[in-house]
Full PDB file with SEQRES, HELIX, SHEET, SSBOND, CRYST1, ORIGX, SCALE, CONECT and MASTER records, all heavy atoms in Angstrom:
SEQRES   1 A   42  ALA ARG ALA VAL GLY VAL ASP ALA ARG ARG MET LYS THR          
SEQRES   2 A   42  VAL VAL TYR LEU ALA THR ALA PHE ILE THR GLY VAL ALA          
SEQRES   3 A   42  GLY ALA LEU ILE TYR VAL GLN LYS ALA ARG ILE SER PRO          
SEQRES   4 A   42  ASP ALA ALA                                                  
HELIX    1 AA1 ARG A    2  VAL A    4  5                                   3    
HELIX    2 AA2 ALA A    8  LYS A   34  1                                  27    
CRYST1    1.000    1.000    1.000  90.00  90.00  90.00 P 1           1          
ORIGX1      1.000000  0.000000  0.000000        0.00000                         
ORIGX2      0.000000  1.000000  0.000000        0.00000                         
ORIGX3      0.000000  0.000000  1.000000        0.00000                         
SCALE1      1.000000  0.000000  0.000000        0.00000                         
SCALE2      0.000000  1.000000  0.000000        0.00000                         
SCALE3      0.000000  0.000000  1.000000        0.00000                         
ATOM      1  N   ALA A   1       0.827  -1.198   0.000  1.00  0.00           N  
ATOM      2  CA  ALA A   1       0.000   0.000   0.000  1.00  0.00           C  
ATOM      3  C   ALA A   1       0.870   1.259   0.000  1.00  0.00           C  
ATOM      4  O   ALA A   1       0.582   2.228  -0.713  1.00  0.00           O  
ATOM      5  CB  ALA A   1      -0.928  -0.004   1.216  1.00  0.00           C  
ATOM      6  N   ARG A   2       1.931   1.231   0.791  1.00  0.00           N  
ATOM      7  CA  ARG A   2       2.843   2.380   0.805  1.00  0.00           C  
ATOM      8  C   ARG A   2       3.491   2.572  -0.560  1.00  0.00           C  
ATOM      9  O   ARG A   2       3.706   3.711  -1.008  1.00  0.00           O  
ATOM     10  CB  ARG A   2       3.924   2.170   1.863  1.00  0.00           C  
ATOM     11  CG  ARG A   2       3.431   2.247   3.305  1.00  0.00           C  
ATOM     12  CD  ARG A   2       4.588   1.985   4.263  1.00  0.00           C  
ATOM     13  NE  ARG A   2       4.154   1.923   5.644  1.00  0.00           N  
ATOM     14  CZ  ARG A   2       4.020   2.965   6.457  1.00  0.00           C  
ATOM     15  NH1 ARG A   2       4.304   4.175   5.981  1.00  0.00           N  
ATOM     16  NH2 ARG A   2       3.631   2.818   7.710  1.00  0.00           N  
ATOM     17  N   ALA A   3       3.773   1.457  -1.233  1.00  0.00           N  
ATOM     18  CA  ALA A   3       4.458   1.529  -2.527  1.00  0.00           C  
ATOM     19  C   ALA A   3       3.609   2.206  -3.594  1.00  0.00           C  
ATOM     20  O   ALA A   3       4.144   2.806  -4.527  1.00  0.00           O  
ATOM     21  CB  ALA A   3       4.851   0.128  -2.987  1.00  0.00           C  
ATOM     22  N   VAL A   4       2.275   2.135  -3.461  1.00  0.00           N  
ATOM     23  CA  VAL A   4       1.406   2.764  -4.454  1.00  0.00           C  
ATOM     24  C   VAL A   4       0.886   4.118  -3.973  1.00  0.00           C  
ATOM     25  O   VAL A   4      -0.047   4.679  -4.544  1.00  0.00           O  
ATOM     26  CB  VAL A   4       0.214   1.847  -4.818  1.00  0.00           C  
ATOM     27  CG1 VAL A   4       0.706   0.587  -5.501  1.00  0.00           C  
ATOM     28  CG2 VAL A   4      -0.630   1.511  -3.593  1.00  0.00           C  
ATOM     29  N   GLY A   5       1.486   4.636  -2.907  1.00  0.00           N  
ATOM     30  CA  GLY A   5       1.183   5.997  -2.481  1.00  0.00           C  
ATOM     31  C   GLY A   5       0.186   6.151  -1.367  1.00  0.00           C  
ATOM     32  O   GLY A   5      -0.221   7.271  -1.056  1.00  0.00           O  
ATOM     33  N   VAL A   6      -0.238   5.064  -0.722  1.00  0.00           N  
ATOM     34  CA  VAL A   6      -1.178   5.158   0.389  1.00  0.00           C  
ATOM     35  C   VAL A   6      -0.415   5.536   1.659  1.00  0.00           C  
ATOM     36  O   VAL A   6       0.582   4.899   2.000  1.00  0.00           O  
ATOM     37  CB  VAL A   6      -1.926   3.824   0.602  1.00  0.00           C  
ATOM     38  CG1 VAL A   6      -2.841   3.918   1.818  1.00  0.00           C  
ATOM     39  CG2 VAL A   6      -2.721   3.458  -0.632  1.00  0.00           C  
ATOM     40  N   ASP A   7      -0.868   6.573   2.343  1.00  0.00           N  
ATOM     41  CA  ASP A   7      -0.246   6.998   3.597  1.00  0.00           C  
ATOM     42  C   ASP A   7      -0.818   6.129   4.719  1.00  0.00           C  
ATOM     43  O   ASP A   7      -1.835   6.459   5.336  1.00  0.00           O  
ATOM     44  CB  ASP A   7      -0.539   8.481   3.849  1.00  0.00           C  
ATOM     45  CG  ASP A   7       0.288   9.046   4.997  1.00  0.00           C  
ATOM     46  OD1 ASP A   7       0.753   8.253   5.826  1.00  0.00           O  
ATOM     47  OD2 ASP A   7       0.457  10.283   5.061  1.00  0.00           O  
ATOM     48  N   ALA A   8      -0.163   5.013   4.966  1.00  0.00           N  
ATOM     49  CA  ALA A   8      -0.680   4.022   5.903  1.00  0.00           C  
ATOM     50  C   ALA A   8      -0.791   4.584   7.317  1.00  0.00           C  
ATOM     51  O   ALA A   8      -1.798   4.360   8.006  1.00  0.00           O  
ATOM     52  CB  ALA A   8       0.215   2.777   5.897  1.00  0.00           C  
ATOM     53  N   ARG A   9       0.208   5.302   7.759  1.00  0.00           N  
ATOM     54  CA  ARG A   9       0.185   5.835   9.127  1.00  0.00           C  
ATOM     55  C   ARG A   9      -0.958   6.831   9.306  1.00  0.00           C  
ATOM     56  O   ARG A   9      -1.646   6.827  10.337  1.00  0.00           O  
ATOM     57  CB  ARG A   9       1.522   6.489   9.455  1.00  0.00           C  
ATOM     58  CG  ARG A   9       1.652   6.889  10.924  1.00  0.00           C  
ATOM     59  CD  ARG A   9       3.037   7.437  11.232  1.00  0.00           C  
ATOM     60  NE  ARG A   9       3.196   7.668  12.646  1.00  0.00           N  
ATOM     61  CZ  ARG A   9       3.548   6.757  13.534  1.00  0.00           C  
ATOM     62  NH1 ARG A   9       3.789   5.524  13.139  1.00  0.00           N  
ATOM     63  NH2 ARG A   9       3.688   7.054  14.816  1.00  0.00           N  
ATOM     64  N   ARG A  10      -1.168   7.669   8.301  1.00  0.00           N  
ATOM     65  CA  ARG A  10      -2.258   8.644   8.388  1.00  0.00           C  
ATOM     66  C   ARG A  10      -3.610   7.940   8.438  1.00  0.00           C  
ATOM     67  O   ARG A  10      -4.490   8.318   9.230  1.00  0.00           O  
ATOM     68  CB  ARG A  10      -2.207   9.586   7.187  1.00  0.00           C  
ATOM     69  CG  ARG A  10      -3.320  10.624   7.171  1.00  0.00           C  
ATOM     70  CD  ARG A  10      -3.157  11.573   5.994  1.00  0.00           C  
ATOM     71  NE  ARG A  10      -4.279  12.489   5.883  1.00  0.00           N  
ATOM     72  CZ  ARG A  10      -5.416  12.216   5.269  1.00  0.00           C  
ATOM     73  NH1 ARG A  10      -5.567  11.030   4.676  1.00  0.00           N  
ATOM     74  NH2 ARG A  10      -6.403  13.099   5.223  1.00  0.00           N  
ATOM     75  N   MET A  11      -3.805   6.906   7.602  1.00  0.00           N  
ATOM     76  CA  MET A  11      -5.062   6.182   7.589  1.00  0.00           C  
ATOM     77  C   MET A  11      -5.331   5.530   8.940  1.00  0.00           C  
ATOM     78  O   MET A  11      -6.445   5.612   9.480  1.00  0.00           O  
ATOM     79  CB  MET A  11      -5.044   5.113   6.494  1.00  0.00           C  
ATOM     80  CG  MET A  11      -5.089   5.647   5.072  1.00  0.00           C  
ATOM     81  SD  MET A  11      -6.600   6.552   4.706  1.00  0.00           S  
ATOM     82  CE  MET A  11      -7.830   5.342   5.126  1.00  0.00           C  
ATOM     83  N   LYS A  12      -4.310   4.894   9.494  1.00  0.00           N  
ATOM     84  CA  LYS A  12      -4.484   4.238  10.794  1.00  0.00           C  
ATOM     85  C   LYS A  12      -4.774   5.252  11.890  1.00  0.00           C  
ATOM     86  O   LYS A  12      -5.602   5.012  12.779  1.00  0.00           O  
ATOM     87  CB  LYS A  12      -3.233   3.434  11.137  1.00  0.00           C  
ATOM     88  CG  LYS A  12      -3.053   2.170  10.313  1.00  0.00           C  
ATOM     89  CD  LYS A  12      -1.839   1.388  10.788  1.00  0.00           C  
ATOM     90  CE  LYS A  12      -1.702   0.065  10.060  1.00  0.00           C  
ATOM     91  NZ  LYS A  12      -0.558  -0.736  10.560  1.00  0.00           N  
ATOM     92  N   THR A  13      -4.098   6.393  11.829  1.00  0.00           N  
ATOM     93  CA  THR A  13      -4.307   7.417  12.861  1.00  0.00           C  
ATOM     94  C   THR A  13      -5.721   7.965  12.813  1.00  0.00           C  
ATOM     95  O   THR A  13      -6.367   8.137  13.857  1.00  0.00           O  
ATOM     96  CB  THR A  13      -3.294   8.565  12.677  1.00  0.00           C  
ATOM     97  OG1 THR A  13      -1.962   8.033  12.751  1.00  0.00           O  
ATOM     98  CG2 THR A  13      -3.476   9.621  13.757  1.00  0.00           C  
ATOM     99  N   VAL A  14      -6.212   8.243  11.603  1.00  0.00           N  
ATOM    100  CA  VAL A  14      -7.574   8.763  11.458  1.00  0.00           C  
ATOM    101  C   VAL A  14      -8.587   7.763  12.015  1.00  0.00           C  
ATOM    102  O   VAL A  14      -9.510   8.137  12.767  1.00  0.00           O  
ATOM    103  CB  VAL A  14      -7.877   9.088   9.984  1.00  0.00           C  
ATOM    104  CG1 VAL A  14      -9.368   9.353   9.779  1.00  0.00           C  
ATOM    105  CG2 VAL A  14      -7.063  10.294   9.529  1.00  0.00           C  
ATOM    106  N   VAL A  15      -8.431   6.495  11.669  1.00  0.00           N  
ATOM    107  CA  VAL A  15      -9.358   5.463  12.149  1.00  0.00           C  
ATOM    108  C   VAL A  15      -9.254   5.326  13.664  1.00  0.00           C  
ATOM    109  O   VAL A  15     -10.272   5.222  14.367  1.00  0.00           O  
ATOM    110  CB  VAL A  15      -9.057   4.112  11.456  1.00  0.00           C  
ATOM    111  CG1 VAL A  15      -9.804   2.972  12.144  1.00  0.00           C  
ATOM    112  CG2 VAL A  15      -9.456   4.180   9.994  1.00  0.00           C  
ATOM    113  N   TYR A  16      -8.046   5.360  14.196  1.00  0.00           N  
ATOM    114  CA  TYR A  16      -7.829   5.197  15.634  1.00  0.00           C  
ATOM    115  C   TYR A  16      -8.489   6.344  16.409  1.00  0.00           C  
ATOM    116  O   TYR A  16      -9.159   6.126  17.425  1.00  0.00           O  
ATOM    117  CB  TYR A  16      -6.338   5.142  15.921  1.00  0.00           C  
ATOM    118  CG  TYR A  16      -5.986   4.687  17.313  1.00  0.00           C  
ATOM    119  CD1 TYR A  16      -6.172   3.368  17.697  1.00  0.00           C  
ATOM    120  CD2 TYR A  16      -5.449   5.573  18.246  1.00  0.00           C  
ATOM    121  CE1 TYR A  16      -5.839   2.938  18.967  1.00  0.00           C  
ATOM    122  CE2 TYR A  16      -5.112   5.161  19.519  1.00  0.00           C  
ATOM    123  CZ  TYR A  16      -5.311   3.842  19.873  1.00  0.00           C  
ATOM    124  OH  TYR A  16      -4.996   3.425  21.149  1.00  0.00           O  
ATOM    125  N   LEU A  17      -8.312   7.572  15.928  1.00  0.00           N  
ATOM    126  CA  LEU A  17      -8.902   8.724  16.606  1.00  0.00           C  
ATOM    127  C   LEU A  17     -10.426   8.706  16.491  1.00  0.00           C  
ATOM    128  O   LEU A  17     -11.138   9.027  17.451  1.00  0.00           O  
ATOM    129  CB  LEU A  17      -8.353  10.025  16.022  1.00  0.00           C  
ATOM    130  CG  LEU A  17      -6.853  10.300  16.234  1.00  0.00           C  
ATOM    131  CD1 LEU A  17      -6.464  11.629  15.608  1.00  0.00           C  
ATOM    132  CD2 LEU A  17      -6.500  10.295  17.712  1.00  0.00           C  
ATOM    133  N   ALA A  18     -10.934   8.336  15.317  1.00  0.00           N  
ATOM    134  CA  ALA A  18     -12.385   8.290  15.122  1.00  0.00           C  
ATOM    135  C   ALA A  18     -13.036   7.244  16.029  1.00  0.00           C  
ATOM    136  O   ALA A  18     -14.065   7.506  16.666  1.00  0.00           O  
ATOM    137  CB  ALA A  18     -12.717   7.999  13.662  1.00  0.00           C  
ATOM    138  N   THR A  19     -12.427   6.066  16.116  1.00  0.00           N  
ATOM    139  CA  THR A  19     -12.996   5.021  16.967  1.00  0.00           C  
ATOM    140  C   THR A  19     -12.872   5.393  18.438  1.00  0.00           C  
ATOM    141  O   THR A  19     -13.741   5.042  19.240  1.00  0.00           O  
ATOM    142  CB  THR A  19     -12.314   3.667  16.715  1.00  0.00           C  
ATOM    143  OG1 THR A  19     -10.896   3.797  16.880  1.00  0.00           O  
ATOM    144  CG2 THR A  19     -12.602   3.167  15.312  1.00  0.00           C  
ATOM    145  N   ALA A  20     -11.802   6.106  18.807  1.00  0.00           N  
ATOM    146  CA  ALA A  20     -11.665   6.560  20.187  1.00  0.00           C  
ATOM    147  C   ALA A  20     -12.786   7.522  20.550  1.00  0.00           C  
ATOM    148  O   ALA A  20     -13.375   7.440  21.639  1.00  0.00           O  
ATOM    149  CB  ALA A  20     -10.303   7.226  20.387  1.00  0.00           C  
ATOM    150  N   PHE A  21     -13.101   8.446  19.638  1.00  0.00           N  
ATOM    151  CA  PHE A  21     -14.176   9.409  19.886  1.00  0.00           C  
ATOM    152  C   PHE A  21     -15.520   8.703  20.057  1.00  0.00           C  
ATOM    153  O   PHE A  21     -16.235   8.940  21.041  1.00  0.00           O  
ATOM    154  CB  PHE A  21     -14.263  10.412  18.733  1.00  0.00           C  
ATOM    155  CG  PHE A  21     -15.473  11.306  18.799  1.00  0.00           C  
ATOM    156  CD1 PHE A  21     -15.533  12.347  19.704  1.00  0.00           C  
ATOM    157  CD2 PHE A  21     -16.560  11.082  17.959  1.00  0.00           C  
ATOM    158  CE1 PHE A  21     -16.659  13.165  19.786  1.00  0.00           C  
ATOM    159  CE2 PHE A  21     -17.685  11.894  18.026  1.00  0.00           C  
ATOM    160  CZ  PHE A  21     -17.735  12.935  18.941  1.00  0.00           C  
ATOM    161  N   ILE A  22     -15.852   7.815  19.131  1.00  0.00           N  
ATOM    162  CA  ILE A  22     -17.155   7.148  19.197  1.00  0.00           C  
ATOM    163  C   ILE A  22     -17.227   6.226  20.405  1.00  0.00           C  
ATOM    164  O   ILE A  22     -18.253   6.145  21.092  1.00  0.00           O  
ATOM    165  CB  ILE A  22     -17.433   6.372  17.901  1.00  0.00           C  
ATOM    166  CG1 ILE A  22     -17.406   7.317  16.699  1.00  0.00           C  
ATOM    167  CG2 ILE A  22     -18.786   5.673  17.973  1.00  0.00           C  
ATOM    168  CD1 ILE A  22     -17.512   6.619  15.355  1.00  0.00           C  
ATOM    169  N   THR A  23     -16.130   5.533  20.717  1.00  0.00           N  
ATOM    170  CA  THR A  23     -16.094   4.660  21.893  1.00  0.00           C  
ATOM    171  C   THR A  23     -16.239   5.475  23.167  1.00  0.00           C  
ATOM    172  O   THR A  23     -16.926   5.058  24.115  1.00  0.00           O  
ATOM    173  CB  THR A  23     -14.787   3.851  21.920  1.00  0.00           C  
ATOM    174  OG1 THR A  23     -14.679   3.075  20.720  1.00  0.00           O  
ATOM    175  CG2 THR A  23     -14.740   2.923  23.116  1.00  0.00           C  
ATOM    176  N   GLY A  24     -15.599   6.652  23.217  1.00  0.00           N  
ATOM    177  CA  GLY A  24     -15.738   7.525  24.378  1.00  0.00           C  
ATOM    178  C   GLY A  24     -17.163   8.022  24.552  1.00  0.00           C  
ATOM    179  O   GLY A  24     -17.685   8.093  25.673  1.00  0.00           O  
ATOM    180  N   VAL A  25     -17.818   8.378  23.444  1.00  0.00           N  
ATOM    181  CA  VAL A  25     -19.227   8.786  23.497  1.00  0.00           C  
ATOM    182  C   VAL A  25     -20.081   7.638  24.022  1.00  0.00           C  
ATOM    183  O   VAL A  25     -20.961   7.834  24.875  1.00  0.00           O  
ATOM    184  CB  VAL A  25     -19.712   9.240  22.108  1.00  0.00           C  
ATOM    185  CG1 VAL A  25     -21.228   9.411  22.096  1.00  0.00           C  
ATOM    186  CG2 VAL A  25     -19.045  10.551  21.710  1.00  0.00           C  
ATOM    187  N   ALA A  26     -19.834   6.428  23.510  1.00  0.00           N  
ATOM    188  CA  ALA A  26     -20.598   5.262  23.960  1.00  0.00           C  
ATOM    189  C   ALA A  26     -20.376   5.005  25.449  1.00  0.00           C  
ATOM    190  O   ALA A  26     -21.330   4.716  26.188  1.00  0.00           O  
ATOM    191  CB  ALA A  26     -20.201   4.026  23.145  1.00  0.00           C  
ATOM    192  N   GLY A  27     -19.128   5.111  25.910  1.00  0.00           N  
ATOM    193  CA  GLY A  27     -18.838   4.911  27.328  1.00  0.00           C  
ATOM    194  C   GLY A  27     -19.548   5.927  28.199  1.00  0.00           C  
ATOM    195  O   GLY A  27     -20.127   5.579  29.244  1.00  0.00           O  
ATOM    196  N   ALA A  28     -19.504   7.190  27.784  1.00  0.00           N  
ATOM    197  CA  ALA A  28     -20.194   8.231  28.555  1.00  0.00           C  
ATOM    198  C   ALA A  28     -21.691   7.979  28.586  1.00  0.00           C  
ATOM    199  O   ALA A  28     -22.339   8.131  29.635  1.00  0.00           O  
ATOM    200  CB  ALA A  28     -19.893   9.600  27.940  1.00  0.00           C  
ATOM    201  N   LEU A  29     -22.272   7.578  27.447  1.00  0.00           N  
ATOM    202  CA  LEU A  29     -23.707   7.311  27.384  1.00  0.00           C  
ATOM    203  C   LEU A  29     -24.083   6.132  28.276  1.00  0.00           C  
ATOM    204  O   LEU A  29     -25.104   6.164  28.987  1.00  0.00           O  
ATOM    205  CB  LEU A  29     -24.111   7.038  25.936  1.00  0.00           C  
ATOM    206  CG  LEU A  29     -25.581   6.720  25.682  1.00  0.00           C  
ATOM    207  CD1 LEU A  29     -26.474   7.854  26.156  1.00  0.00           C  
ATOM    208  CD2 LEU A  29     -25.814   6.445  24.195  1.00  0.00           C  
ATOM    209  N   ILE A  30     -23.270   5.089  28.264  1.00  0.00           N  
ATOM    210  CA  ILE A  30     -23.534   3.912  29.103  1.00  0.00           C  
ATOM    211  C   ILE A  30     -23.596   4.311  30.574  1.00  0.00           C  
ATOM    212  O   ILE A  30     -24.481   3.886  31.322  1.00  0.00           O  
ATOM    213  CB  ILE A  30     -22.453   2.839  28.880  1.00  0.00           C  
ATOM    214  CG1 ILE A  30     -22.619   2.192  27.501  1.00  0.00           C  
ATOM    215  CG2 ILE A  30     -22.501   1.773  29.975  1.00  0.00           C  
ATOM    216  CD1 ILE A  30     -21.443   1.332  27.076  1.00  0.00           C  
ATOM    217  N   TYR A  31     -22.669   5.183  30.995  1.00  0.00           N  
ATOM    218  CA  TYR A  31     -22.614   5.530  32.414  1.00  0.00           C  
ATOM    219  C   TYR A  31     -23.556   6.665  32.788  1.00  0.00           C  
ATOM    220  O   TYR A  31     -23.798   6.894  33.977  1.00  0.00           O  
ATOM    221  CB  TYR A  31     -21.172   5.791  32.833  1.00  0.00           C  
ATOM    222  CG  TYR A  31     -20.462   4.488  33.090  1.00  0.00           C  
ATOM    223  CD1 TYR A  31     -19.753   3.844  32.082  1.00  0.00           C  
ATOM    224  CD2 TYR A  31     -20.582   3.845  34.313  1.00  0.00           C  
ATOM    225  CE1 TYR A  31     -19.149   2.617  32.297  1.00  0.00           C  
ATOM    226  CE2 TYR A  31     -19.989   2.618  34.547  1.00  0.00           C  
ATOM    227  CZ  TYR A  31     -19.276   2.015  33.537  1.00  0.00           C  
ATOM    228  OH  TYR A  31     -18.700   0.786  33.763  1.00  0.00           O  
ATOM    229  N   VAL A  32     -24.105   7.362  31.807  1.00  0.00           N  
ATOM    230  CA  VAL A  32     -25.258   8.227  32.113  1.00  0.00           C  
ATOM    231  C   VAL A  32     -26.441   7.349  32.491  1.00  0.00           C  
ATOM    232  O   VAL A  32     -27.175   7.638  33.441  1.00  0.00           O  
ATOM    233  CB  VAL A  32     -25.606   9.124  30.907  1.00  0.00           C  
ATOM    234  CG1 VAL A  32     -26.990   9.735  31.086  1.00  0.00           C  
ATOM    235  CG2 VAL A  32     -24.592  10.240  30.749  1.00  0.00           C  
ATOM    236  N   GLN A  33     -26.609   6.264  31.761  1.00  0.00           N  
ATOM    237  CA  GLN A  33     -27.716   5.355  32.042  1.00  0.00           C  
ATOM    238  C   GLN A  33     -27.495   4.607  33.360  1.00  0.00           C  
ATOM    239  O   GLN A  33     -28.424   4.421  34.148  1.00  0.00           O  
ATOM    240  CB  GLN A  33     -27.877   4.367  30.879  1.00  0.00           C  
ATOM    241  CG  GLN A  33     -29.233   3.707  30.790  1.00  0.00           C  
ATOM    242  CD  GLN A  33     -29.272   2.348  31.460  1.00  0.00           C  
ATOM    243  OE1 GLN A  33     -28.252   1.820  31.907  1.00  0.00           O  
ATOM    244  NE2 GLN A  33     -30.464   1.792  31.558  1.00  0.00           N  
ATOM    245  N   LYS A  34     -26.258   4.215  33.629  1.00  0.00           N  
ATOM    246  CA  LYS A  34     -25.954   3.518  34.881  1.00  0.00           C  
ATOM    247  C   LYS A  34     -26.000   4.464  36.080  1.00  0.00           C  
ATOM    248  O   LYS A  34     -26.387   4.059  37.182  1.00  0.00           O  
ATOM    249  CB  LYS A  34     -24.573   2.861  34.799  1.00  0.00           C  
ATOM    250  CG  LYS A  34     -24.493   1.660  33.867  1.00  0.00           C  
ATOM    251  CD  LYS A  34     -23.080   1.102  33.851  1.00  0.00           C  
ATOM    252  CE  LYS A  34     -22.977  -0.146  32.976  1.00  0.00           C  
ATOM    253  NZ  LYS A  34     -23.665  -1.307  33.559  1.00  0.00           N  
ATOM    254  N   ALA A  35     -25.543   5.716  35.876  1.00  0.00           N  
ATOM    255  CA  ALA A  35     -25.522   6.760  36.921  1.00  0.00           C  
ATOM    256  C   ALA A  35     -24.589   6.420  38.079  1.00  0.00           C  
ATOM    257  O   ALA A  35     -24.613   7.074  39.121  1.00  0.00           O  
ATOM    258  CB  ALA A  35     -26.925   7.046  37.439  1.00  0.00           C  
ATOM    259  N   ARG A  36     -23.749   5.439  37.922  1.00  0.00           N  
ATOM    260  CA  ARG A  36     -22.791   5.041  38.956  1.00  0.00           C  
ATOM    261  C   ARG A  36     -21.532   4.567  38.268  1.00  0.00           C  
ATOM    262  O   ARG A  36     -21.598   3.851  37.270  1.00  0.00           O  
ATOM    263  CB  ARG A  36     -23.377   3.926  39.817  1.00  0.00           C  
ATOM    264  CG  ARG A  36     -22.404   3.243  40.763  1.00  0.00           C  
ATOM    265  CD  ARG A  36     -22.120   4.079  41.978  1.00  0.00           C  
ATOM    266  NE  ARG A  36     -20.993   3.532  42.755  1.00  0.00           N  
ATOM    267  CZ  ARG A  36     -20.450   4.132  43.819  1.00  0.00           C  
ATOM    268  NH1 ARG A  36     -20.946   5.294  44.228  1.00  0.00           N  
ATOM    269  NH2 ARG A  36     -19.443   3.594  44.469  1.00  0.00           N  
ATOM    270  N   ILE A  37     -20.362   4.976  38.784  1.00  0.00           N  
ATOM    271  CA  ILE A  37     -19.106   4.613  38.126  1.00  0.00           C  
ATOM    272  C   ILE A  37     -18.048   4.252  39.159  1.00  0.00           C  
ATOM    273  O   ILE A  37     -18.069   4.738  40.301  1.00  0.00           O  
ATOM    274  CB  ILE A  37     -18.595   5.778  37.243  1.00  0.00           C  
ATOM    275  CG1 ILE A  37     -17.547   5.289  36.240  1.00  0.00           C  
ATOM    276  CG2 ILE A  37     -18.041   6.924  38.099  1.00  0.00           C  
ATOM    277  CD1 ILE A  37     -17.183   6.322  35.187  1.00  0.00           C  
ATOM    278  N   SER A  38     -17.145   3.363  38.772  1.00  0.00           N  
ATOM    279  CA  SER A  38     -15.957   3.025  39.559  1.00  0.00           C  
ATOM    280  C   SER A  38     -14.858   2.635  38.586  1.00  0.00           C  
ATOM    281  O   SER A  38     -15.155   2.218  37.456  1.00  0.00           O  
ATOM    282  CB  SER A  38     -16.246   1.864  40.528  1.00  0.00           C  
ATOM    283  OG  SER A  38     -16.448   0.658  39.814  1.00  0.00           O  
ATOM    284  N   PRO A  39     -13.602   2.778  38.957  1.00  0.00           N  
ATOM    285  CA  PRO A  39     -12.516   2.457  38.015  1.00  0.00           C  
ATOM    286  C   PRO A  39     -12.564   1.025  37.505  1.00  0.00           C  
ATOM    287  O   PRO A  39     -12.367   0.783  36.310  1.00  0.00           O  
ATOM    288  CB  PRO A  39     -11.247   2.720  38.838  1.00  0.00           C  
ATOM    289  CG  PRO A  39     -11.666   3.706  39.871  1.00  0.00           C  
ATOM    290  CD  PRO A  39     -13.084   3.356  40.215  1.00  0.00           C  
ATOM    291  N   ASP A  40     -12.828   0.081  38.399  1.00  0.00           N  
ATOM    292  CA  ASP A  40     -12.833  -1.322  37.973  1.00  0.00           C  
ATOM    293  C   ASP A  40     -13.950  -1.610  36.980  1.00  0.00           C  
ATOM    294  O   ASP A  40     -13.773  -2.394  36.035  1.00  0.00           O  
ATOM    295  CB  ASP A  40     -12.980  -2.238  39.191  1.00  0.00           C  
ATOM    296  CG  ASP A  40     -11.733  -2.245  40.055  1.00  0.00           C  
ATOM    297  OD1 ASP A  40     -10.659  -1.829  39.555  1.00  0.00           O  
ATOM    298  OD2 ASP A  40     -11.827  -2.632  41.232  1.00  0.00           O  
ATOM    299  N   ALA A  41     -15.100  -0.987  37.154  1.00  0.00           N  
ATOM    300  CA  ALA A  41     -16.218  -1.219  36.238  1.00  0.00           C  
ATOM    301  C   ALA A  41     -16.012  -0.489  34.924  1.00  0.00           C  
ATOM    302  O   ALA A  41     -16.231  -1.050  33.846  1.00  0.00           O  
ATOM    303  CB  ALA A  41     -17.523  -0.769  36.896  1.00  0.00           C  
ATOM    304  N   ALA A  42     -15.591   0.769  34.989  1.00  0.00           N  
ATOM    305  CA  ALA A  42     -15.448   1.574  33.771  1.00  0.00           C  
ATOM    306  C   ALA A  42     -14.309   1.093  32.888  1.00  0.00           C  
ATOM    307  O   ALA A  42     -14.351   1.281  31.668  1.00  0.00           O  
ATOM    308  CB  ALA A  42     -15.230   3.042  34.141  1.00  0.00           C  
TER     309      ALA A  42                                                      
MASTER        0    0    0    2    0    0    0    6  308    1    0    4          
END                                                                             
């Protein structure tokens, strides 16, 4: 992929940051519904 001009690191970084954002939103939403949090559970 790099040989044909694909910026592999950039693609992975974009996907990693995007999934982190959506996963963080999901985590926050889950614990709004739970209304209780602890390090071991979260």
